[in-house]
C-alpha atoms as a PDB file:
ATOM      1  CA  MET A   1      10.982  -2.298  16.630  1.00  0.00           C
ATOM      2  CA  THR A   2      12.244  -1.820  19.661  1.00  0.00           C
ATOM      3  CA  THR A   3       9.676  -0.161  22.348  1.00  0.00           C
ATOM      4  CA  VAL A   4      11.344  -0.165  25.447  1.00  0.00           C
ATOM      5  CA  ALA A   5      12.035   2.907  27.679  1.00  0.00           C
ATOM      6  CA  ALA A   6      13.410   0.944  30.853  1.00  0.00           C
ATOM      7  CA  THR A   7      16.237  -1.236  29.058  1.00  0.00           C
ATOM      8  CA  ARG A   8      18.317   1.347  29.624  1.00  0.00           C
ATOM      9  CA  THR A   9      17.968   1.203  33.334  1.00  0.00           C
ATOM     10  CA  GLU A  10      19.599  -0.550  35.929  1.00  0.00           C
ATOM     11  CA  SER A  11      17.296  -3.268  37.743  1.00  0.00           C
ATOM     12  CA  PRO A  12      18.081  -4.705  41.293  1.00  0.00           C
ATOM     13  CA  THR A  13      20.481  -7.709  40.745  1.00  0.00           C
ATOM     14  CA  ALA A  14      18.332 -10.863  40.789  1.00  0.00           C
ATOM     15  CA  PRO A  15      19.488 -14.226  41.634  1.00  0.00           C
ATOM     16  CA  HIS A  16      20.905 -15.904  38.295  1.00  0.00           C
ATOM     17  CA  THR A  17      18.613 -18.481  36.459  1.00  0.00           C
ATOM     18  CA  ARG A  18      19.727 -20.860  34.031  1.00  0.00           C
ATOM     19  CA  PRO A  19      17.039 -19.521  31.026  1.00  0.00           C
ATOM     20  CA  ARG A  20      14.791 -22.959  29.930  1.00  0.00           C
ATOM     21  CA  LEU A  21      15.099 -22.117  25.805  1.00  0.00           C
ATOM     22  CA  ASP A  22      18.691 -21.383  24.047  1.00  0.00           C
ATOM     23  CA  TRP A  23      19.570 -17.711  23.548  1.00  0.00           C
ATOM     24  CA  ARG A  24      19.978 -18.625  19.658  1.00  0.00           C
ATOM     25  CA  LEU A  25      16.060 -19.763  20.029  1.00  0.00           C
ATOM     26  CA  ARG A  26      14.486 -16.671  21.585  1.00  0.00           C
ATOM     27  CA  PHE A  27      16.558 -14.610  19.227  1.00  0.00           C
ATOM     28  CA  GLY A  28      15.475 -16.136  16.353  1.00  0.00           C
ATOM     29  CA  ALA A  29      11.834 -15.464  17.969  1.00  0.00           C
ATOM     30  CA  LEU A  30      11.475 -12.473  18.878  1.00  0.00           C
ATOM     31  CA  SER A  31      13.286 -11.998  14.960  1.00  0.00           C
ATOM     32  CA  LEU A  32      10.234 -13.769  13.917  1.00  0.00           C
ATOM     33  CA  ILE A  33       7.745 -11.711  16.111  1.00  0.00           C
ATOM     34  CA  TRP A  34       8.750  -8.495  15.367  1.00  0.00           C
ATOM     35  CA  GLY A  35       9.734  -8.975  11.162  1.00  0.00           C
ATOM     36  CA  PHE A  36       5.792 -10.292  11.113  1.00  0.00           C
ATOM     37  CA  SER A  37       4.160  -7.210  13.202  1.00  0.00           C
ATOM     38  CA  PHE A  38       4.157  -5.416  10.246  1.00  0.00           C
ATOM     39  CA  LEU A  39       2.251  -7.417   8.427  1.00  0.00           C
ATOM     40  CA  LEU A  40       0.065  -8.293  11.052  1.00  0.00           C
ATOM     41  CA  ILE A  41      -0.837  -4.209  11.225  1.00  0.00           C
ATOM     42  CA  LYS A  42      -1.205  -4.490   7.544  1.00  0.00           C
ATOM     43  CA  VAL A  43      -4.047  -6.905   7.802  1.00  0.00           C
ATOM     44  CA  GLY A  44      -5.239  -4.845  11.548  1.00  0.00           C
ATOM     45  CA  THR A  45      -5.909  -1.799   9.252  1.00  0.00           C
ATOM     46  CA  ASP A  46      -8.235  -4.040   6.824  1.00  0.00           C
ATOM     47  CA  GLY A  47     -10.871  -3.921   9.327  1.00  0.00           C
ATOM     48  CA  TYR A  48     -10.045  -1.181  11.756  1.00  0.00           C
ATOM     49  CA  ALA A  49      -8.774   2.786  11.312  1.00  0.00           C
ATOM     50  CA  PRO A  50      -5.079   2.682  12.472  1.00  0.00           C
ATOM     51  CA  PHE A  51      -5.679   4.288  15.721  1.00  0.00           C
ATOM     52  CA  GLN A  52      -8.372   1.492  16.853  1.00  0.00           C
ATOM     53  CA  VAL A  53      -5.008  -0.665  15.442  1.00  0.00           C
ATOM     54  CA  THR A  54      -3.112   1.238  17.997  1.00  0.00           C
ATOM     55  CA  LEU A  55      -5.043   1.366  20.527  1.00  0.00           C
ATOM     56  CA  GLY A  56      -6.025  -2.812  20.471  1.00  0.00           C
ATOM     57  CA  ARG A  57      -2.415  -2.878  20.280  1.00  0.00           C
ATOM     58  CA  LEU A  58      -1.275  -1.250  23.324  1.00  0.00           C
ATOM     59  CA  VAL A  59      -4.146  -2.686  25.127  1.00  0.00           C
ATOM     60  CA  PHE A  60      -3.225  -6.828  24.067  1.00  0.00           C
ATOM     61  CA  GLY A  61       0.687  -5.321  24.960  1.00  0.00           C
ATOM     62  CA  THR A  62      -0.496  -4.098  27.972  1.00  0.00           C
ATOM     63  CA  ALA A  63      -2.463  -6.775  29.545  1.00  0.00           C
ATOM     64  CA  VAL A  64       0.682  -9.489  28.374  1.00  0.00           C
ATOM     65  CA  LEU A  65       3.332  -7.286  30.457  1.00  0.00           C
ATOM     66  CA  ALA A  66       0.694  -6.737  33.691  1.00  0.00           C
ATOM     67  CA  ALA A  67       0.101 -10.367  33.473  1.00  0.00           C
ATOM     68  CA  ALA A  68       3.600 -10.731  33.784  1.00  0.00           C
ATOM     69  CA  MET A  69       4.142  -8.268  36.610  1.00  0.00           C
ATOM     70  CA  ALA A  70       1.258 -10.020  38.727  1.00  0.00           C
ATOM     71  CA  VAL A  71       3.041 -13.366  38.754  1.00  0.00           C
ATOM     72  CA  LYS A  72       6.415 -11.603  39.694  1.00  0.00           C
ATOM     73  CA  ARG A  73       4.719  -9.213  41.502  1.00  0.00           C
ATOM     74  CA  GLU A  74       6.197  -6.014  40.366  1.00  0.00           C
ATOM     75  CA  ARG A  75       4.607  -2.718  41.495  1.00  0.00           C
ATOM     76  CA  LEU A  76       3.757   0.088  39.134  1.00  0.00           C
ATOM     77  CA  PRO A  77       6.754   3.171  39.971  1.00  0.00           C
ATOM     78  CA  ARG A  78       6.112   5.638  42.236  1.00  0.00           C
ATOM     79  CA  GLY A  79       7.307   9.587  41.553  1.00  0.00           C
ATOM     80  CA  ALA A  80       5.174  12.152  40.209  1.00  0.00           C
ATOM     81  CA  ARG A  81       8.612  12.762  38.258  1.00  0.00           C
ATOM     82  CA  THR A  82       9.151   9.221  37.306  1.00  0.00           C
ATOM     83  CA  TRP A  83       5.304   9.503  35.300  1.00  0.00           C
ATOM     84  CA  GLY A  84       6.065  12.715  33.599  1.00  0.00           C
ATOM     85  CA  HIS A  85       8.862  11.273  31.798  1.00  0.00           C
ATOM     86  CA  LEU A  86       7.747   7.998  31.721  1.00  0.00           C
ATOM     87  CA  THR A  87       4.120   9.817  29.820  1.00  0.00           C
ATOM     88  CA  VAL A  88       6.594  11.593  27.444  1.00  0.00           C
ATOM     89  CA  ALA A  89       8.285   8.433  26.240  1.00  0.00           C
ATOM     90  CA  ALA A  90       5.204   6.132  26.476  1.00  0.00           C
ATOM     91  CA  PHE A  91       4.642   8.734  23.293  1.00  0.00           C
ATOM     92  CA  LEU A  92       7.563   8.771  21.976  1.00  0.00           C
ATOM     93  CA  LEU A  93       8.154   5.255  22.209  1.00  0.00           C
ATOM     94  CA  ASN A  94       4.833   3.624  21.690  1.00  0.00           C
ATOM     95  CA  ALA A  95       1.743   6.012  20.843  1.00  0.00           C
ATOM     96  CA  LEU A  96       3.481   7.791  18.247  1.00  0.00           C
ATOM     97  CA  PRO A  97       5.679   5.140  16.116  1.00  0.00           C
ATOM     98  CA  PHE A  98       2.669   2.304  16.588  1.00  0.00           C
ATOM     99  CA  SER A  99       0.146   4.890  14.731  1.00  0.00           C
ATOM    100  CA  LEU A 100       2.571   6.547  12.393  1.00  0.00           C
ATOM    101  CA  PHE A 101       3.380   2.721  11.161  1.00  0.00           C
ATOM    102  CA  ALA A 102      -0.169   2.103  11.284  1.00  0.00           C
ATOM    103  CA  TYR A 103      -1.351   5.073   8.989  1.00  0.00           C
ATOM    104  CA  ALA A 104       1.920   4.447   6.949  1.00  0.00           C
ATOM    105  CA  GLU A 105       0.510   0.993   6.205  1.00  0.00           C
ATOM    106  CA  LEU A 106      -2.502   2.401   4.482  1.00  0.00           C
ATOM    107  CA  THR A 107      -0.805   3.858   1.575  1.00  0.00           C
ATOM    108  CA  ILE A 108       2.692   1.816   1.397  1.00  0.00           C
ATOM    109  CA  PRO A 109       3.442  -2.085   1.502  1.00  0.00           C
ATOM    110  CA  SER A 110       4.431  -3.740   4.843  1.00  0.00           C
ATOM    111  CA  THR A 111       7.243  -4.654   2.924  1.00  0.00           C
ATOM    112  CA  LEU A 112       8.440  -0.785   2.949  1.00  0.00           C
ATOM    113  CA  ALA A 113       7.273  -0.125   5.979  1.00  0.00           C
ATOM    114  CA  GLY A 114       9.679  -2.433   7.766  1.00  0.00           C
ATOM    115  CA  ILE A 115      12.516  -1.429   5.729  1.00  0.00           C
ATOM    116  CA  CYS A 116      12.089   2.191   6.837  1.00  0.00           C
ATOM    117  CA  ASN A 117      12.145   0.247  10.371  1.00  0.00           C
ATOM    118  CA  ALA A 118      15.298  -0.531  10.113  1.00  0.00           C
ATOM    119  CA  THR A 119      16.580   3.142   9.489  1.00  0.00           C
ATOM    120  CA  SER A 120      16.030   3.320  13.167  1.00  0.00           C
ATOM    121  CA  PRO A 121      19.777   2.494  13.841  1.00  0.00           C
ATOM    122  CA  LEU A 122      21.082   5.678  11.663  1.00  0.00           C
ATOM    123  CA  TRP A 123      18.486   8.045  12.983  1.00  0.00           C
ATOM    124  CA  GLY A 124      19.921   7.502  16.133  1.00  0.00           C
ATOM    125  CA  MET A 125      23.681   7.995  15.306  1.00  0.00           C
ATOM    126  CA  ALA A 126      22.645  11.193  14.100  1.00  0.00           C
ATOM    127  CA  LEU A 127      20.646  12.143  16.735  1.00  0.00           C
ATOM    128  CA  SER A 128      23.617  11.013  19.574  1.00  0.00           C
ATOM    129  CA  LEU A 129      26.455  13.141  18.205  1.00  0.00           C
ATOM    130  CA  VAL A 130      24.791  16.206  19.084  1.00  0.00           C
ATOM    131  CA  ALA A 131      22.595  14.719  21.985  1.00  0.00           C
ATOM    132  CA  LEU A 132      25.270  12.787  23.627  1.00  0.00           C
ATOM    133  CA  SER A 133      28.454  13.653  24.289  1.00  0.00           C
ATOM    134  CA  GLU A 134      30.031  10.017  24.979  1.00  0.00           C
ATOM    135  CA  ASP A 135      29.152   9.362  21.803  1.00  0.00           C
ATOM    136  CA  ARG A 136      31.967  10.713  20.007  1.00  0.00           C
ATOM    137  CA  PRO A 137      31.787  10.249  15.560  1.00  0.00           C
ATOM    138  CA  THR A 138      34.642   7.887  13.861  1.00  0.00           C
ATOM    139  CA  ARG A 139      35.421   7.623  10.337  1.00  0.00           C
ATOM    140  CA  LEU A 140      33.420   4.420  10.119  1.00  0.00           C
ATOM    141  CA  ARG A 141      30.146   5.380  12.031  1.00  0.00           C
ATOM    142  CA  VAL A 142      30.609   8.354   9.691  1.00  0.00           C
ATOM    143  CA  ALA A 143      31.001   6.319   6.747  1.00  0.00           C
ATOM    144  CA  GLY A 144      27.967   3.842   7.746  1.00  0.00           C
ATOM    145  CA  LEU A 145      25.250   7.176   8.536  1.00  0.00           C
ATOM    146  CA  GLY A 146      26.304   8.216   5.338  1.00  0.00           C
ATOM    147  CA  LEU A 147      26.133   4.407   2.823  1.00  0.00           C
ATOM    148  CA  GLY A 148      22.989   4.060   4.895  1.00  0.00           C
ATOM    149  CA  PHE A 149      21.173   6.778   4.218  1.00  0.00           C
ATOM    150  CA  LEU A 150      21.992   6.050   0.714  1.00  0.00           C
ATOM    151  CA  GLY A 151      20.762   2.791   0.921  1.00  0.00           C
ATOM    152  CA  VAL A 152      17.223   4.771   1.662  1.00  0.00           C
ATOM    153  CA  LEU A 153      17.413   6.789  -1.190  1.00  0.00           C
ATOM    154  CA  THR A 154      18.008   3.445  -3.051  1.00  0.00           C
ATOM    155  CA  VAL A 155      15.232   1.975  -1.510  1.00  0.00           C
ATOM    156  CA  LEU A 156      12.863   4.703  -2.582  1.00  0.00           C
ATOM    157  CA  GLY A 157      14.041   4.868  -5.937  1.00  0.00           C
ATOM    158  CA  ALA A 158      15.291   8.562  -6.079  1.00  0.00           C
ATOM    159  CA  TRP A 159      16.855   9.034  -9.125  1.00  0.00           C
ATOM    160  CA  GLN A 160      13.208   7.718 -10.509  1.00  0.00           C
ATOM    161  CA  GLY A 161      11.903  10.589  -8.993  1.00  0.00           C
ATOM    162  CA  PHE A 162      10.404   8.544  -6.316  1.00  0.00           C
ATOM    163  CA  SER A 163       8.144   7.309  -9.129  1.00  0.00           C
ATOM    164  CA  GLY A 164       4.709   4.857  -7.864  1.00  0.00           C
ATOM    165  CA  LEU A 165       6.248   5.448  -4.363  1.00  0.00           C
ATOM    166  CA  ASP A 166       3.374   7.040  -1.697  1.00  0.00           C
ATOM    167  CA  ALA A 167       5.556  10.211   0.096  1.00  0.00           C
ATOM    168  CA  THR A 168       2.762  10.955   3.042  1.00  0.00           C
ATOM    169  CA  GLY A 169       3.028   7.132   3.645  1.00  0.00           C
ATOM    170  CA  THR A 170       6.873   6.821   3.722  1.00  0.00           C
ATOM    171  CA  THR A 171       7.651   9.715   4.942  1.00  0.00           C
ATOM    172  CA  MET A 172       5.496   8.469   8.042  1.00  0.00           C
ATOM    173  CA  ALA A 173       7.445   5.425   8.338  1.00  0.00           C
ATOM    174  CA  LEU A 174      10.691   7.224   8.241  1.00  0.00           C
ATOM    175  CA  LEU A 175       9.093   9.687  11.154  1.00  0.00           C
ATOM    176  CA  ALA A 176       8.259   6.437  13.271  1.00  0.00           C
ATOM    177  CA  SER A 177      11.354   4.834  12.714  1.00  0.00           C
ATOM    178  CA  LEU A 178      12.970   8.664  14.270  1.00  0.00           C
ATOM    179  CA  SER A 179      10.414   8.849  16.784  1.00  0.00           C
ATOM    180  CA  TYR A 180      12.203   5.882  18.553  1.00  0.00           C
ATOM    181  CA  PRO A 181      16.074   7.374  18.841  1.00  0.00           C
ATOM    182  CA  VAL A 182      14.384  10.034  19.999  1.00  0.00           C
ATOM    183  CA  GLY A 183      12.926   8.352  22.655  1.00  0.00           C
ATOM    184  CA  TRP A 184      15.936   6.426  23.280  1.00  0.00           C
ATOM    185  CA  ILE A 185      17.620   9.907  24.148  1.00  0.00           C
ATOM    186  CA  TYR A 186      14.992  11.129  25.939  1.00  0.00           C
ATOM    187  CA  VAL A 187      14.976   7.898  28.378  1.00  0.00           C
ATOM    188  CA  ARG A 188      19.213   8.361  28.558  1.00  0.00           C
ATOM    189  CA  ARG A 189      19.006  11.652  29.736  1.00  0.00           C
ATOM    190  CA  THR A 190      16.236  11.119  32.177  1.00  0.00           C
ATOM    191  CA  LEU A 191      15.599   7.416  32.947  1.00  0.00           C
ATOM    192  CA  ALA A 192      18.357   5.958  33.327  1.00  0.00           C
ATOM    193  CA  ARG A 193      20.334   4.628  36.307  1.00  0.00           C
ATOM    194  CA  SER A 194      16.594   4.819  37.732  1.00  0.00           C
ATOM    195  CA  GLY A 195      16.977   1.737  39.759  1.00  0.00           C
ATOM    196  CA  ARG A 196      13.772   0.544  39.164  1.00  0.00           C
ATOM    197  CA  SER A 197      12.946  -2.767  37.766  1.00  0.00           C
ATOM    198  CA  HIS A 198      12.367  -2.695  34.332  1.00  0.00           C
ATOM    199  CA  LEU A 199       8.990  -5.165  33.446  1.00  0.00           C
ATOM    200  CA  SER A 200       7.531  -2.373  36.470  1.00  0.00           C
ATOM    201  CA  MET A 201       8.604   0.763  33.910  1.00  0.00           C
ATOM    202  CA  THR A 202       7.862  -0.697  30.945  1.00  0.00           C
ATOM    203  CA  GLY A 203       4.492  -1.866  32.004  1.00  0.00           C
ATOM    204  CA  ALA A 204       4.000   2.130  33.153  1.00  0.00           C
ATOM    205  CA  GLN A 205       5.155   2.710  29.969  1.00  0.00           C
ATOM    206  CA  LEU A 206       2.365   0.703  27.740  1.00  0.00           C
ATOM    207  CA  LEU A 207      -0.178   1.874  30.392  1.00  0.00           C
ATOM    208  CA  LEU A 208       0.451   5.494  29.953  1.00  0.00           C
ATOM    209  CA  ALA A 209       0.640   5.058  25.997  1.00  0.00           C
ATOM    210  CA  THR A 210      -2.401   2.678  26.274  1.00  0.00           C
ATOM    211  CA  ALA A 211      -4.200   5.969  27.915  1.00  0.00           C
ATOM    212  CA  GLN A 212      -3.138   8.389  25.920  1.00  0.00           C
ATOM    213  CA  LEU A 213      -4.657   6.286  22.872  1.00  0.00           C
ATOM    214  CA  ALA A 214      -7.755   5.810  24.818  1.00  0.00           C
ATOM    215  CA  VAL A 215      -8.295   9.600  24.710  1.00  0.00           C
ATOM    216  CA  VAL A 216      -7.297  10.140  20.762  1.00  0.00           C
ATOM    217  CA  THR A 217      -9.378   7.151  19.383  1.00  0.00           C
ATOM    218  CA  PRO A 218     -12.596   8.419  20.270  1.00  0.00           C
ATOM    219  CA  LEU A 219     -11.872  11.689  18.724  1.00  0.00           C
ATOM    220  CA  PHE A 220     -11.015  10.821  15.410  1.00  0.00           C
ATOM    221  CA  THR A 221     -12.488   7.868  15.035  1.00  0.00           C
ATOM    222  CA  ASP A 222     -16.183   6.012  15.293  1.00  0.00           C
ATOM    223  CA  PHE A 223     -16.793   3.103  16.379  1.00  0.00           C
ATOM    224  CA  PRO A 224     -17.199   0.427  14.272  1.00  0.00           C
ATOM    225  CA  ALA A 225     -20.462  -0.379  13.047  1.00  0.00           C
ATOM    226  CA  HIS A 226     -19.308  -4.351  12.865  1.00  0.00           C
ATOM    227  CA  VAL A 227     -15.861  -6.509  13.701  1.00  0.00           C
ATOM    228  CA  PRO A 228     -13.966  -8.413  11.316  1.00  0.00           C
ATOM    229  CA  LEU A 229     -12.340 -11.248  13.136  1.00  0.00           C
ATOM    230  CA  VAL A 230      -9.281 -11.910  10.943  1.00  0.00           C
ATOM    231  CA  PRO A 231      -8.137  -8.361  11.797  1.00  0.00           C
ATOM    232  CA  LEU A 232      -8.777  -8.228  14.865  1.00  0.00           C
ATOM    233  CA  LEU A 233      -7.201 -11.659  15.712  1.00  0.00           C
ATOM    234  CA  ALA A 234      -4.095  -9.958  13.550  1.00  0.00           C
ATOM    235  CA  ILE A 235      -4.244  -6.806  16.037  1.00  0.00           C
ATOM    236  CA  ALA A 236      -4.381  -9.164  19.434  1.00  0.00           C
ATOM    237  CA  ALA A 237      -1.403 -10.879  17.742  1.00  0.00           C
ATOM    238  CA  LEU A 238       0.577  -7.167  17.407  1.00  0.00           C
ATOM    239  CA  GLY A 239      -0.003  -6.655  20.359  1.00  0.00           C
ATOM    240  CA  ALA A 240       0.205 -10.049  23.078  1.00  0.00           C
ATOM    241  CA  LEU A 241       3.265 -10.906  20.630  1.00  0.00           C
ATOM    242  CA  GLY A 242       4.610  -7.446  19.466  1.00  0.00           C
ATOM    243  CA  THR A 243       3.938  -5.343  22.139  1.00  0.00           C
ATOM    244  CA  GLY A 244       3.838  -7.990  25.753  1.00  0.00           C
ATOM    245  CA  LEU A 245       5.678 -11.114  24.849  1.00  0.00           C
ATOM    246  CA  ALA A 246       8.641  -9.259  22.562  1.00  0.00           C
ATOM    247  CA  VAL A 247       9.047  -7.228  25.144  1.00  0.00           C
ATOM    248  CA  LEU A 248       9.923  -9.598  27.937  1.00  0.00           C
ATOM    249  CA  ILE A 249      11.836 -12.383  25.113  1.00  0.00           C
ATOM    250  CA  GLN A 250      14.083  -8.546  24.964  1.00  0.00           C
ATOM    251  CA  TYR A 251      14.436  -8.590  28.616  1.00  0.00           C
ATOM    252  CA  GLY A 252      16.018 -12.532  28.588  1.00  0.00           C
ATOM    253  CA  LEU A 253      18.784 -11.338  25.354  1.00  0.00           C
ATOM    254  CA  VAL A 254      19.742  -8.147  26.936  1.00  0.00           C
ATOM    255  CA  ALA A 255      20.197  -9.933  30.640  1.00  0.00           C
ATOM    256  CA  GLU A 256      21.894 -12.852  29.124  1.00  0.00           C
ATOM    257  CA  VAL A 257      23.720 -11.624  26.117  1.00  0.00           C
ATOM    258  CA  GLY A 258      24.091  -8.264  26.617  1.00  0.00           C
ATOM    259  CA  PRO A 259      22.500  -4.996  24.380  1.00  0.00           C
ATOM    260  CA  THR A 260      24.773  -5.353  21.620  1.00  0.00           C
ATOM    261  CA  THR A 261      24.139  -8.310  20.401  1.00  0.00           C
ATOM    262  CA  ALA A 262      20.535  -8.362  20.988  1.00  0.00           C
ATOM    263  CA  GLN A 263      20.046  -5.243  19.116  1.00  0.00           C
ATOM    264  CA  MET A 264      21.098  -7.624  16.075  1.00  0.00           C
ATOM    265  CA  VAL A 265      17.708  -8.599  16.081  1.00  0.00           C
ATOM    266  CA  THR A 266      17.110  -5.590  14.510  1.00  0.00           C
ATOM    267  CA  TYR A 267      19.233  -6.372  10.947  1.00  0.00           C
ATOM    268  CA  PHE A 268      16.471  -9.386  10.316  1.00  0.00           C
ATOM    269  CA  ILE A 269      13.484  -7.739  10.705  1.00  0.00           C
ATOM    270  CA  PRO A 270      13.392  -6.022   7.775  1.00  0.00           C
ATOM    271  CA  VAL A 271      14.311  -9.461   5.315  1.00  0.00           C
ATOM    272  CA  ILE A 272      11.600 -11.130   7.630  1.00  0.00           C
ATOM    273  CA  ALA A 273       9.315  -8.098   6.990  1.00  0.00           C
ATOM    274  CA  THR A 274      10.460  -8.641   3.787  1.00  0.00           C
ATOM    275  CA  ALA A 275       9.384 -11.916   2.808  1.00  0.00           C
ATOM    276  CA  ALA A 276       6.509 -12.330   4.863  1.00  0.00           C
ATOM    277  CA  GLY A 277       4.485  -9.182   2.935  1.00  0.00           C
ATOM    278  CA  VAL A 278       5.279 -10.792  -0.798  1.00  0.00           C
ATOM    279  CA  ALA A 279       4.635 -14.281   0.087  1.00  0.00           C
ATOM    280  CA  ILE A 280       1.389 -13.940   2.370  1.00  0.00           C
ATOM    281  CA  LEU A 281       0.275 -10.636   0.864  1.00  0.00           C
ATOM    282  CA  GLY A 282       1.317 -11.109  -2.283  1.00  0.00           C
ATOM    283  CA  GLU A 283       2.799  -7.420  -2.160  1.00  0.00           C
ATOM    284  CA  SER A 284       4.750  -6.601  -5.028  1.00  0.00           C
ATOM    285  CA  LEU A 285       9.259  -5.708  -4.714  1.00  0.00           C
ATOM    286  CA  ARG A 286      11.123  -3.879  -7.093  1.00  0.00           C
ATOM    287  CA  TRP A 287      14.646  -5.103  -7.106  1.00  0.00           C
ATOM    288  CA  THR A 288      15.212  -1.406  -5.751  1.00  0.00           C
ATOM    289  CA  THR A 289      14.021  -2.171  -2.380  1.00  0.00           C
ATOM    290  CA  PRO A 290      16.105  -5.417  -1.570  1.00  0.00           C
ATOM    291  CA  VAL A 291      19.700  -3.979  -2.806  1.00  0.00           C
ATOM    292  CA  GLY A 292      18.956  -0.805  -0.776  1.00  0.00           C
ATOM    293  CA  ALA A 293      17.672  -2.610   2.534  1.00  0.00           C
ATOM    294  CA  VAL A 294      20.992  -4.220   1.817  1.00  0.00           C
ATOM    295  CA  ILE A 295      22.965  -0.926   1.860  1.00  0.00           C
ATOM    296  CA  VAL A 296      20.830   0.840   4.974  1.00  0.00           C
ATOM    297  CA  LEU A 297      21.477  -2.487   7.405  1.00  0.00           C
ATOM    298  CA  ALA A 298      25.243  -2.344   6.038  1.00  0.00           C
ATOM    299  CA  GLY A 299      25.023   1.103   7.382  1.00  0.00           C
ATOM    300  CA  ALA A 300      23.951   0.776  10.107  1.00  0.00           C
ATOM    301  CA  ALA A 301      25.846  -1.510  11.203  1.00  0.00           C
ATOM    302  CA  LEU A 302      29.020   0.369  10.676  1.00  0.00           C
ATOM    303  CA  THR A 303      27.278   2.657  12.909  1.00  0.00           C
ATOM    304  CA  GLN A 304      27.463   0.868  16.029  1.00  0.00           C
ATOM    305  CA  ALA A 305      30.876  -0.285  15.394  1.00  0.00           C
ATOM    306  CA  ARG A 306      32.758   0.440  18.486  1.00  0.00           C
ATOM    307  CA  PRO A 307      36.387   2.015  18.320  1.00  0.00           C
ATOM    308  CA  LYS A 308      38.716  -1.264  19.714  1.00  0.00           C
ATOM    309  CA  ARG A 309      39.898  -0.339  23.279  1.00  0.00           C
ATOM    310  CA  GLY A 310      43.472   0.608  23.221  1.00  0.00           C
ATOM    311  CA  ALA A 311      44.232   0.706  19.675  1.00  0.00           C
END
């Protein structure tokens, strides 16, 4: 559930400091946080409309980033052009996918939503072959792309006519997963090598996404007559942990072990989301779901394989 545009920008050089926690512990924490996000969305939608869940998530997430910026004395970026590009990034990487997942989980289990999220690398690979000239296809990566989408068909039970599957909710979840790589490619083309701080760029991005939802939510939802506590706590955790703290953890991982290793968290998210949905929410699980998920993850892993230099 990578939600950050600024991960591809270059931040100013800072003195190297040894992190307090081993990167493996932070990697595990990030996997758990993002894996449980789908359960929290499901709980949140039990008491609030999807747009309200997304707005609350963004409010709490932005608050965490604002606090981090205050501690580090970071300022928001300047320039109308930068803010224009960040507005688009906020829509593609936050407002749109967060809302689509929230709407999707009205009719599909959180386990399926988590597995749909794992298709993001597949969409990204397919799009980058068209949009990014430096990403050249290889036989291995194309094979991974085909294998991954075969896994999607397995999860959906295509040979059974998609029986028992809510087409609208599943489509929304897949579109949410597609929105992330579209946003990454846009950012790569417009904001890469900006020289601005990761933290300030993402703080601005979340602020803009919050503003977008603040405009949209009153138009499509009514103010809740009562405030259910458990769904509200789920939304607060989803925002503060899954959108705010997770971003800060991800930055540290990328800086310490590189983006390739940090992105491996993608392969743990559906496993944790499935386990949480089945164990805590009591969601049913057909054999096609875990088998298809393994195929999806194997395909996604192949699409990320890079040819050996000098081979």
